[in-house]
Amino acid sequence: MQETKPRWIYWKKTFHSKFQAGCLKAKLEENWHNGYELGPLVEIRKLRSNKYVVRYTYDEA
């Protein structure tokens, strides 16, 4: 069985601080917390412009 790389979904907005991005990360993780689905993998990435972007993925299986 071949393992595939996750397909990342990027949030359309960039953030000036890691704190702002962390708030969105917490909100995305909490949204799935009590659901029936597996929760998403959420990451905060720093861009070259010293801004932050949030990306997430989920198990489609």
PDB file of N, CA and C in Angstrom:
ATOM      1  N   MET A   1       0.836  -1.170   0.000  1.00  0.00           N
ATOM      2  CA  MET A   1       0.000   0.000   0.000  1.00  0.00           C
ATOM      3  C   MET A   1       0.890   1.246   0.000  1.00  0.00           C
ATOM      4  N   GLN A   2       0.602   2.147  -0.883  1.00  0.00           N
ATOM      5  CA  GLN A   2       1.434   3.326  -1.051  1.00  0.00           C
ATOM      6  C   GLN A   2       0.910   4.477  -0.196  1.00  0.00           C
ATOM      7  N   GLU A   3       1.821   5.086   0.543  1.00  0.00           N
ATOM      8  CA  GLU A   3       1.430   6.215   1.399  1.00  0.00           C
ATOM      9  C   GLU A   3       1.484   7.499   0.583  1.00  0.00           C
ATOM     10  N   THR A   4       0.417   8.284   0.644  1.00  0.00           N
ATOM     11  CA  THR A   4       0.377   9.529  -0.110  1.00  0.00           C
ATOM     12  C   THR A   4       0.632  10.709   0.820  1.00  0.00           C
ATOM     13  N   LYS A   5       1.185  11.762   0.255  1.00  0.00           N
ATOM     14  CA  LYS A   5       1.415  12.970   1.031  1.00  0.00           C
ATOM     15  C   LYS A   5       0.081  13.671   1.264  1.00  0.00           C
ATOM     16  N   PRO A   6      -0.043  14.338   2.395  1.00  0.00           N
ATOM     17  CA  PRO A   6      -1.304  15.039   2.647  1.00  0.00           C
ATOM     18  C   PRO A   6      -1.474  16.227   1.700  1.00  0.00           C
ATOM     19  N   ARG A   7      -2.693  16.519   1.374  1.00  0.00           N
ATOM     20  CA  ARG A   7      -3.002  17.686   0.550  1.00  0.00           C
ATOM     21  C   ARG A   7      -3.365  18.826   1.488  1.00  0.00           C
ATOM     22  N   TRP A   8      -2.550  19.860   1.471  1.00  0.00           N
ATOM     23  CA  TRP A   8      -2.725  20.966   2.399  1.00  0.00           C
ATOM     24  C   TRP A   8      -3.683  21.992   1.834  1.00  0.00           C
ATOM     25  N   ILE A   9      -4.508  22.523   2.718  1.00  0.00           N
ATOM     26  CA  ILE A   9      -5.428  23.616   2.399  1.00  0.00           C
ATOM     27  C   ILE A   9      -4.902  24.835   3.141  1.00  0.00           C
ATOM     28  N   TYR A  10      -4.600  25.888   2.406  1.00  0.00           N
ATOM     29  CA  TYR A  10      -4.048  27.090   3.018  1.00  0.00           C
ATOM     30  C   TYR A  10      -5.160  28.087   3.314  1.00  0.00           C
ATOM     31  N   TRP A  11      -5.115  28.687   4.506  1.00  0.00           N
ATOM     32  CA  TRP A  11      -6.056  29.741   4.865  1.00  0.00           C
ATOM     33  C   TRP A  11      -5.751  30.944   4.000  1.00  0.00           C
ATOM     34  N   LYS A  12      -6.751  31.658   3.529  1.00  0.00           N
ATOM     35  CA  LYS A  12      -6.552  32.710   2.540  1.00  0.00           C
ATOM     36  C   LYS A  12      -5.929  33.981   3.100  1.00  0.00           C
ATOM     37  N   LYS A  13      -5.772  34.082   4.399  1.00  0.00           N
ATOM     38  CA  LYS A  13      -5.250  35.292   5.016  1.00  0.00           C
ATOM     39  C   LYS A  13      -3.896  35.009   5.658  1.00  0.00           C
ATOM     40  N   THR A  14      -2.983  35.997   5.583  1.00  0.00           N
ATOM     41  CA  THR A  14      -1.724  35.905   6.310  1.00  0.00           C
ATOM     42  C   THR A  14      -1.835  36.733   7.584  1.00  0.00           C
ATOM     43  N   PHE A  15      -1.024  36.383   8.578  1.00  0.00           N
ATOM     44  CA  PHE A  15      -1.090  37.036   9.878  1.00  0.00           C
ATOM     45  C   PHE A  15       0.254  37.685  10.202  1.00  0.00           C
ATOM     46  N   HIS A  16       0.210  38.802  10.920  1.00  0.00           N
ATOM     47  CA  HIS A  16       1.420  39.528  11.284  1.00  0.00           C
ATOM     48  C   HIS A  16       2.127  38.902  12.477  1.00  0.00           C
ATOM     49  N   SER A  17       1.403  38.154  13.303  1.00  0.00           N
ATOM     50  CA  SER A  17       2.034  37.548  14.481  1.00  0.00           C
ATOM     51  C   SER A  17       1.664  36.067  14.568  1.00  0.00           C
ATOM     52  N   LYS A  18       2.539  35.338  15.231  1.00  0.00           N
ATOM     53  CA  LYS A  18       2.290  33.905  15.434  1.00  0.00           C
ATOM     54  C   LYS A  18       1.107  33.699  16.370  1.00  0.00           C
ATOM     55  N   PHE A  19       0.876  34.655  17.281  1.00  0.00           N
ATOM     56  CA  PHE A  19      -0.264  34.565  18.187  1.00  0.00           C
ATOM     57  C   PHE A  19      -1.584  34.578  17.410  1.00  0.00           C
ATOM     58  N   GLN A  20      -1.704  35.482  16.435  1.00  0.00           N
ATOM     59  CA  GLN A  20      -2.928  35.551  15.637  1.00  0.00           C
ATOM     60  C   GLN A  20      -3.165  34.248  14.880  1.00  0.00           C
ATOM     61  N   ALA A  21      -2.094  33.706  14.301  1.00  0.00           N
ATOM     62  CA  ALA A  21      -2.208  32.440  13.581  1.00  0.00           C
ATOM     63  C   ALA A  21      -2.560  31.308  14.547  1.00  0.00           C
ATOM     64  N   GLY A  22      -2.008  31.360  15.758  1.00  0.00           N
ATOM     65  CA  GLY A  22      -2.305  30.335  16.755  1.00  0.00           C
ATOM     66  C   GLY A  22      -3.757  30.337  17.188  1.00  0.00           C
ATOM     67  N   CYS A  23      -4.361  31.514  17.231  1.00  0.00           N
ATOM     68  CA  CYS A  23      -5.788  31.599  17.572  1.00  0.00           C
ATOM     69  C   CYS A  23      -6.635  30.892  16.516  1.00  0.00           C
ATOM     70  N   LEU A  24      -6.308  31.099  15.248  1.00  0.00           N
ATOM     71  CA  LEU A  24      -7.041  30.423  14.176  1.00  0.00           C
ATOM     72  C   LEU A  24      -6.791  28.919  14.227  1.00  0.00           C
ATOM     73  N   LYS A  25      -5.558  28.523  14.510  1.00  0.00           N
ATOM     74  CA  LYS A  25      -5.227  27.097  14.627  1.00  0.00           C
ATOM     75  C   LYS A  25      -6.079  26.438  15.707  1.00  0.00           C
ATOM     76  N   ALA A  26      -6.190  27.092  16.860  1.00  0.00           N
ATOM     77  CA  ALA A  26      -6.995  26.546  17.951  1.00  0.00           C
ATOM     78  C   ALA A  26      -8.466  26.445  17.552  1.00  0.00           C
ATOM     79  N   LYS A  27      -8.942  27.440  16.831  1.00  0.00           N
ATOM     80  CA  LYS A  27     -10.350  27.439  16.395  1.00  0.00           C
ATOM     81  C   LYS A  27     -10.610  26.290  15.415  1.00  0.00           C
ATOM     82  N   LEU A  28      -9.692  26.061  14.491  1.00  0.00           N
ATOM     83  CA  LEU A  28      -9.863  24.964  13.532  1.00  0.00           C
ATOM     84  C   LEU A  28      -9.830  23.614  14.234  1.00  0.00           C
ATOM     85  N   GLU A  29      -8.918  23.443  15.185  1.00  0.00           N
ATOM     86  CA  GLU A  29      -8.837  22.175  15.903  1.00  0.00           C
ATOM     87  C   GLU A  29     -10.057  21.948  16.780  1.00  0.00           C
ATOM     88  N   GLU A  30     -10.566  22.969  17.400  1.00  0.00           N
ATOM     89  CA  GLU A  30     -11.736  22.854  18.275  1.00  0.00           C
ATOM     90  C   GLU A  30     -12.996  22.533  17.486  1.00  0.00           C
ATOM     91  N   ASN A  31     -13.059  23.002  16.254  1.00  0.00           N
ATOM     92  CA  ASN A  31     -14.233  22.794  15.415  1.00  0.00           C
ATOM     93  C   ASN A  31     -14.506  21.307  15.195  1.00  0.00           C
ATOM     94  N   TRP A  32     -13.466  20.504  15.124  1.00  0.00           N
ATOM     95  CA  TRP A  32     -13.624  19.067  14.897  1.00  0.00           C
ATOM     96  C   TRP A  32     -13.572  18.268  16.192  1.00  0.00           C
ATOM     97  N   HIS A  33     -13.293  18.890  17.308  1.00  0.00           N
ATOM     98  CA  HIS A  33     -13.029  18.189  18.556  1.00  0.00           C
ATOM     99  C   HIS A  33     -14.177  17.267  18.966  1.00  0.00           C
ATOM    100  N   ASN A  34     -15.405  17.726  18.886  1.00  0.00           N
ATOM    101  CA  ASN A  34     -16.540  16.922  19.334  1.00  0.00           C
ATOM    102  C   ASN A  34     -17.314  16.294  18.178  1.00  0.00           C
ATOM    103  N   GLY A  35     -16.735  16.328  16.977  1.00  0.00           N
ATOM    104  CA  GLY A  35     -17.431  15.778  15.815  1.00  0.00           C
ATOM    105  C   GLY A  35     -17.185  14.295  15.649  1.00  0.00           C
ATOM    106  N   TYR A  36     -17.766  13.761  14.618  1.00  0.00           N
ATOM    107  CA  TYR A  36     -17.621  12.336  14.328  1.00  0.00           C
ATOM    108  C   TYR A  36     -16.430  12.068  13.416  1.00  0.00           C
ATOM    109  N   GLU A  37     -15.895  13.116  12.801  1.00  0.00           N
ATOM    110  CA  GLU A  37     -14.791  12.945  11.873  1.00  0.00           C
ATOM    111  C   GLU A  37     -13.460  13.029  12.605  1.00  0.00           C
ATOM    112  N   LEU A  38     -12.411  12.559  11.954  1.00  0.00           N
ATOM    113  CA  LEU A  38     -11.071  12.762  12.468  1.00  0.00           C
ATOM    114  C   LEU A  38     -10.723  14.234  12.317  1.00  0.00           C
ATOM    115  N   GLY A  39     -10.059  14.774  13.277  1.00  0.00           N
ATOM    116  CA  GLY A  39      -9.690  16.178  13.228  1.00  0.00           C
ATOM    117  C   GLY A  39      -8.591  16.451  12.216  1.00  0.00           C
ATOM    118  N   PRO A  40      -8.463  17.693  11.810  1.00  0.00           N
ATOM    119  CA  PRO A  40      -7.439  18.043  10.820  1.00  0.00           C
ATOM    120  C   PRO A  40      -6.065  18.159  11.460  1.00  0.00           C
ATOM    121  N   LEU A  41      -5.052  18.019  10.644  1.00  0.00           N
ATOM    122  CA  LEU A  41      -3.701  18.370  11.044  1.00  0.00           C
ATOM    123  C   LEU A  41      -3.549  19.850  10.714  1.00  0.00           C
ATOM    124  N   VAL A  42      -3.177  20.660  11.673  1.00  0.00           N
ATOM    125  CA  VAL A  42      -3.085  22.106  11.477  1.00  0.00           C
ATOM    126  C   VAL A  42      -1.666  22.547  11.768  1.00  0.00           C
ATOM    127  N   GLU A  43      -1.092  23.351  10.872  1.00  0.00           N
ATOM    128  CA  GLU A  43       0.258  23.862  11.041  1.00  0.00           C
ATOM    129  C   GLU A  43       0.288  25.366  10.833  1.00  0.00           C
ATOM    130  N   ILE A  44       1.249  26.000  11.500  1.00  0.00           N
ATOM    131  CA  ILE A  44       1.527  27.416  11.275  1.00  0.00           C
ATOM    132  C   ILE A  44       2.878  27.481  10.589  1.00  0.00           C
ATOM    133  N   ARG A  45       2.937  28.150   9.458  1.00  0.00           N
ATOM    134  CA  ARG A  45       4.182  28.274   8.702  1.00  0.00           C
ATOM    135  C   ARG A  45       4.599  29.739   8.619  1.00  0.00           C
ATOM    136  N   LYS A  46       5.885  29.996   8.771  1.00  0.00           N
ATOM    137  CA  LYS A  46       6.400  31.352   8.660  1.00  0.00           C
ATOM    138  C   LYS A  46       6.857  31.573   7.222  1.00  0.00           C
ATOM    139  N   LEU A  47       6.415  32.683   6.641  1.00  0.00           N
ATOM    140  CA  LEU A  47       6.784  33.014   5.278  1.00  0.00           C
ATOM    141  C   LEU A  47       8.069  33.843   5.262  1.00  0.00           C
ATOM    142  N   ARG A  48       8.657  34.006   4.101  1.00  0.00           N
ATOM    143  CA  ARG A  48       9.868  34.821   3.970  1.00  0.00           C
ATOM    144  C   ARG A  48       9.614  36.282   4.319  1.00  0.00           C
ATOM    145  N   SER A  49       8.394  36.727   4.194  1.00  0.00           N
ATOM    146  CA  SER A  49       8.033  38.116   4.500  1.00  0.00           C
ATOM    147  C   SER A  49       7.782  38.335   5.991  1.00  0.00           C
ATOM    148  N   ASN A  50       8.168  37.353   6.831  1.00  0.00           N
ATOM    149  CA  ASN A  50       7.973  37.394   8.285  1.00  0.00           C
ATOM    150  C   ASN A  50       6.498  37.469   8.679  1.00  0.00           C
ATOM    151  N   LYS A  51       5.636  36.952   7.847  1.00  0.00           N
ATOM    152  CA  LYS A  51       4.229  36.791   8.172  1.00  0.00           C
ATOM    153  C   LYS A  51       3.973  35.305   8.351  1.00  0.00           C
ATOM    154  N   TYR A  52       2.819  34.983   8.891  1.00  0.00           N
ATOM    155  CA  TYR A  52       2.475  33.590   9.174  1.00  0.00           C
ATOM    156  C   TYR A  52       1.227  33.195   8.399  1.00  0.00           C
ATOM    157  N   VAL A  53       1.190  31.934   8.001  1.00  0.00           N
ATOM    158  CA  VAL A  53       0.033  31.388   7.303  1.00  0.00           C
ATOM    159  C   VAL A  53      -0.346  30.078   8.006  1.00  0.00           C
ATOM    160  N   VAL A  54      -1.628  29.788   7.995  1.00  0.00           N
ATOM    161  CA  VAL A  54      -2.142  28.561   8.610  1.00  0.00           C
ATOM    162  C   VAL A  54      -2.549  27.618   7.486  1.00  0.00           C
ATOM    163  N   ARG A  55      -2.119  26.374   7.616  1.00  0.00           N
ATOM    164  CA  ARG A  55      -2.551  25.366   6.653  1.00  0.00           C
ATOM    165  C   ARG A  55      -3.058  24.156   7.417  1.00  0.00           C
ATOM    166  N   TYR A  56      -3.993  23.456   6.796  1.00  0.00           N
ATOM    167  CA  TYR A  56      -4.576  22.293   7.462  1.00  0.00           C
ATOM    168  C   TYR A  56      -4.917  21.228   6.439  1.00  0.00           C
ATOM    169  N   THR A  57      -5.069  20.024   6.933  1.00  0.00           N
ATOM    170  CA  THR A  57      -5.456  18.891   6.103  1.00  0.00           C
ATOM    171  C   THR A  57      -6.311  17.972   6.969  1.00  0.00           C
ATOM    172  N   TYR A  58      -6.896  17.001   6.367  1.00  0.00           N
ATOM    173  CA  TYR A  58      -7.691  16.038   7.111  1.00  0.00           C
ATOM    174  C   TYR A  58      -7.649  14.700   6.389  1.00  0.00           C
ATOM    175  N   ASP A  59      -7.985  13.657   7.091  1.00  0.00           N
ATOM    176  CA  ASP A  59      -7.981  12.318   6.527  1.00  0.00           C
ATOM    177  C   ASP A  59      -9.252  12.130   5.709  1.00  0.00           C
ATOM    178  N   GLU A  60      -9.081  11.906   4.430  1.00  0.00           N
ATOM    179  CA  GLU A  60     -10.245  11.754   3.548  1.00  0.00           C
ATOM    180  C   GLU A  60     -10.751  10.334   3.492  1.00  0.00           C
ATOM    181  N   ALA A  61     -10.053   9.400   4.110  1.00  0.00           N
ATOM    182  CA  ALA A  61     -10.457   7.994   4.041  1.00  0.00           C
ATOM    183  C   ALA A  61     -11.576   7.685   4.981  1.00  0.00           C
TER     184      ALA A  61
END
